[in-house]
Amino acid sequence: MNQAMIFGLSEPEFAELCLKFLLSGLIAWMVFIIWNLARESKAGKYGMLWMFMGLGLGMFGFIAKELIIKMLAQ
């Protein structure tokens, strides 16, 4: 059975590569949005800390999940 090739990569390789790069860009964009929201609301140091902890918890959990998967695979 032939696999579909995208830019010289098989579909699973292409999907994994896109997931890493595009999701990293999305996470960086979300960090910028949280920072901008905290700055515009004049939240201060502690307010910014809590905003990053509260709003950023989901993406930090996703990053931790990927690291745990890599560590368990070894």
N, C-alpha and C. Protein backbone atom coordinates (compact mmCIF):
# COMPACT_ATOMS: atom_id res chain seq x y z
N MET A 1 0.84 -1.17 0.00
CA MET A 1 0.00 0.00 0.00
C MET A 1 0.88 1.24 0.00
N ASN A 2 0.66 2.14 -0.93
CA ASN A 2 1.45 3.36 -1.03
C ASN A 2 0.89 4.42 -0.10
N GLN A 3 1.83 5.11 0.58
CA GLN A 3 1.42 6.22 1.45
C GLN A 3 1.50 7.52 0.66
N ALA A 4 0.64 8.43 1.02
CA ALA A 4 0.66 9.74 0.37
C ALA A 4 1.92 10.48 0.80
N MET A 5 2.55 11.15 -0.17
CA MET A 5 3.76 11.91 0.12
C MET A 5 3.44 13.40 0.02
N ILE A 6 3.86 14.14 1.02
CA ILE A 6 3.66 15.59 1.05
C ILE A 6 5.03 16.21 1.26
N PHE A 7 5.50 16.97 0.28
CA PHE A 7 6.82 17.61 0.32
C PHE A 7 7.92 16.59 0.61
N GLY A 8 7.79 15.40 0.08
CA GLY A 8 8.80 14.36 0.25
C GLY A 8 8.71 13.61 1.57
N LEU A 9 7.69 13.89 2.36
CA LEU A 9 7.49 13.22 3.65
C LEU A 9 6.22 12.39 3.60
N SER A 10 6.19 11.31 4.36
CA SER A 10 4.95 10.55 4.46
C SER A 10 3.96 11.38 5.29
N GLU A 11 2.70 11.01 5.21
CA GLU A 11 1.67 11.78 5.92
C GLU A 11 1.90 11.82 7.43
N PRO A 12 2.25 10.71 8.09
CA PRO A 12 2.49 10.79 9.54
C PRO A 12 3.71 11.67 9.89
N GLU A 13 4.77 11.60 9.07
CA GLU A 13 5.94 12.46 9.32
C GLU A 13 5.58 13.93 9.15
N PHE A 14 4.81 14.25 8.11
CA PHE A 14 4.39 15.62 7.86
C PHE A 14 3.49 16.14 8.98
N ALA A 15 2.57 15.29 9.45
CA ALA A 15 1.67 15.69 10.53
C ALA A 15 2.44 15.96 11.82
N GLU A 16 3.42 15.12 12.13
CA GLU A 16 4.22 15.32 13.34
C GLU A 16 5.05 16.61 13.25
N LEU A 17 5.62 16.87 12.09
CA LEU A 17 6.41 18.08 11.88
C LEU A 17 5.54 19.33 12.00
N CYS A 18 4.38 19.30 11.38
CA CYS A 18 3.46 20.44 11.47
C CYS A 18 2.98 20.65 12.90
N LEU A 19 2.70 19.57 13.61
CA LEU A 19 2.24 19.68 14.98
C LEU A 19 3.29 20.39 15.83
N LYS A 20 4.55 20.00 15.66
CA LYS A 20 5.61 20.61 16.46
C LYS A 20 5.78 22.10 16.15
N PHE A 21 5.89 22.44 14.89
CA PHE A 21 6.19 23.83 14.53
C PHE A 21 4.98 24.74 14.63
N LEU A 22 3.85 24.33 14.11
CA LEU A 22 2.67 25.19 14.12
C LEU A 22 2.10 25.34 15.52
N LEU A 23 2.13 24.28 16.31
CA LEU A 23 1.65 24.38 17.68
C LEU A 23 2.58 25.23 18.53
N SER A 24 3.87 25.14 18.26
CA SER A 24 4.83 26.01 18.97
C SER A 24 4.54 27.48 18.66
N GLY A 25 4.24 27.78 17.41
CA GLY A 25 3.88 29.14 17.04
C GLY A 25 2.59 29.59 17.71
N LEU A 26 1.62 28.70 17.80
CA LEU A 26 0.36 29.02 18.45
C LEU A 26 0.57 29.29 19.94
N ILE A 27 1.41 28.51 20.59
CA ILE A 27 1.71 28.72 22.00
C ILE A 27 2.41 30.05 22.20
N ALA A 28 3.37 30.38 21.33
CA ALA A 28 4.05 31.68 21.42
C ALA A 28 3.05 32.82 21.24
N TRP A 29 2.10 32.67 20.33
CA TRP A 29 1.07 33.69 20.11
C TRP A 29 0.18 33.84 21.35
N MET A 30 -0.17 32.73 21.99
CA MET A 30 -0.99 32.80 23.20
C MET A 30 -0.24 33.47 24.35
N VAL A 31 1.07 33.21 24.46
CA VAL A 31 1.87 33.89 25.49
C VAL A 31 1.86 35.39 25.23
N PHE A 32 1.99 35.80 23.99
CA PHE A 32 1.94 37.23 23.65
C PHE A 32 0.58 37.82 24.00
N ILE A 33 -0.50 37.09 23.71
CA ILE A 33 -1.84 37.59 24.01
C ILE A 33 -2.02 37.76 25.52
N ILE A 34 -1.57 36.79 26.32
CA ILE A 34 -1.69 36.90 27.77
C ILE A 34 -0.87 38.08 28.27
N TRP A 35 0.36 38.23 27.76
CA TRP A 35 1.21 39.36 28.18
C TRP A 35 0.55 40.69 27.82
N ASN A 36 0.01 40.79 26.61
CA ASN A 36 -0.63 42.03 26.17
C ASN A 36 -1.88 42.32 27.00
N LEU A 37 -2.65 41.31 27.32
CA LEU A 37 -3.83 41.48 28.15
C LEU A 37 -3.45 41.97 29.54
N ALA A 38 -2.41 41.40 30.11
CA ALA A 38 -1.96 41.83 31.44
C ALA A 38 -1.41 43.25 31.41
N ARG A 39 -0.71 43.61 30.35
CA ARG A 39 -0.15 44.95 30.24
C ARG A 39 -1.24 45.99 30.08
N GLU A 40 -2.21 45.72 29.22
CA GLU A 40 -3.29 46.67 28.96
C GLU A 40 -4.22 46.84 30.16
N SER A 41 -4.35 45.78 30.97
CA SER A 41 -5.23 45.88 32.14
C SER A 41 -4.49 46.44 33.35
N LYS A 42 -3.18 46.74 33.18
CA LYS A 42 -2.36 47.28 34.26
C LYS A 42 -2.44 46.39 35.49
N ALA A 43 -2.23 45.11 35.29
CA ALA A 43 -2.39 44.12 36.34
C ALA A 43 -1.26 44.16 37.36
N GLY A 44 -0.10 44.69 37.03
CA GLY A 44 1.03 44.69 37.96
C GLY A 44 1.76 43.36 37.91
N LYS A 45 2.79 43.26 38.75
CA LYS A 45 3.62 42.05 38.75
C LYS A 45 2.84 40.81 39.16
N TYR A 46 2.12 40.92 40.28
CA TYR A 46 1.40 39.75 40.79
C TYR A 46 0.19 39.41 39.92
N GLY A 47 -0.46 40.42 39.40
CA GLY A 47 -1.58 40.17 38.50
C GLY A 47 -1.13 39.47 37.23
N MET A 48 0.02 39.90 36.71
CA MET A 48 0.55 39.26 35.50
C MET A 48 0.94 37.81 35.80
N LEU A 49 1.53 37.60 36.97
CA LEU A 49 1.89 36.24 37.37
C LEU A 49 0.65 35.34 37.42
N TRP A 50 -0.42 35.82 38.04
CA TRP A 50 -1.64 35.02 38.15
C TRP A 50 -2.31 34.83 36.80
N MET A 51 -2.22 35.83 35.95
CA MET A 51 -2.81 35.67 34.60
C MET A 51 -2.06 34.59 33.83
N PHE A 52 -0.73 34.62 33.91
CA PHE A 52 0.04 33.59 33.21
C PHE A 52 -0.22 32.21 33.81
N MET A 53 -0.33 32.16 35.13
CA MET A 53 -0.59 30.85 35.76
C MET A 53 -1.97 30.33 35.40
N GLY A 54 -2.98 31.19 35.46
CA GLY A 54 -4.34 30.75 35.19
C GLY A 54 -4.61 30.48 33.72
N LEU A 55 -4.25 31.43 32.88
CA LEU A 55 -4.55 31.29 31.45
C LEU A 55 -3.55 30.39 30.73
N GLY A 56 -2.33 30.32 31.24
CA GLY A 56 -1.31 29.53 30.58
C GLY A 56 -1.22 28.10 31.06
N LEU A 57 -2.02 27.73 32.05
CA LEU A 57 -1.93 26.39 32.61
C LEU A 57 -2.21 25.29 31.58
N GLY A 58 -3.16 25.52 30.71
CA GLY A 58 -3.49 24.51 29.70
C GLY A 58 -2.35 24.24 28.74
N MET A 59 -1.72 25.33 28.25
CA MET A 59 -0.62 25.10 27.29
C MET A 59 0.62 24.54 27.99
N PHE A 60 0.83 24.91 29.24
CA PHE A 60 1.96 24.32 29.96
C PHE A 60 1.70 22.84 30.23
N GLY A 61 0.45 22.47 30.45
CA GLY A 61 0.09 21.07 30.61
C GLY A 61 0.34 20.28 29.32
N PHE A 62 0.03 20.89 28.18
CA PHE A 62 0.28 20.22 26.90
C PHE A 62 1.78 20.00 26.69
N ILE A 63 2.59 21.01 27.02
CA ILE A 63 4.04 20.89 26.89
C ILE A 63 4.56 19.80 27.82
N ALA A 64 4.07 19.78 29.07
CA ALA A 64 4.49 18.76 30.03
C ALA A 64 4.12 17.37 29.54
N LYS A 65 2.94 17.23 28.94
CA LYS A 65 2.50 15.93 28.42
C LYS A 65 3.47 15.43 27.35
N GLU A 66 3.87 16.33 26.45
CA GLU A 66 4.80 15.93 25.40
C GLU A 66 6.15 15.52 25.98
N LEU A 67 6.62 16.25 26.99
CA LEU A 67 7.90 15.89 27.63
C LEU A 67 7.81 14.56 28.34
N ILE A 68 6.70 14.30 29.02
CA ILE A 68 6.52 13.02 29.70
C ILE A 68 6.47 11.88 28.70
N ILE A 69 5.81 12.06 27.58
CA ILE A 69 5.76 11.03 26.53
C ILE A 69 7.17 10.73 26.03
N LYS A 70 7.96 11.79 25.79
CA LYS A 70 9.34 11.58 25.31
C LYS A 70 10.17 10.84 26.35
N MET A 71 10.00 11.18 27.64
CA MET A 71 10.80 10.55 28.69
C MET A 71 10.41 9.08 28.86
N LEU A 72 9.13 8.76 28.76
CA LEU A 72 8.69 7.38 28.92
C LEU A 72 9.04 6.50 27.72
N ALA A 73 9.22 7.11 26.56
CA ALA A 73 9.54 6.36 25.35
C ALA A 73 10.98 5.86 25.36
N GLN A 74 11.83 6.45 26.18
CA GLN A 74 13.25 6.06 26.19
C GLN A 74 13.49 4.84 27.00
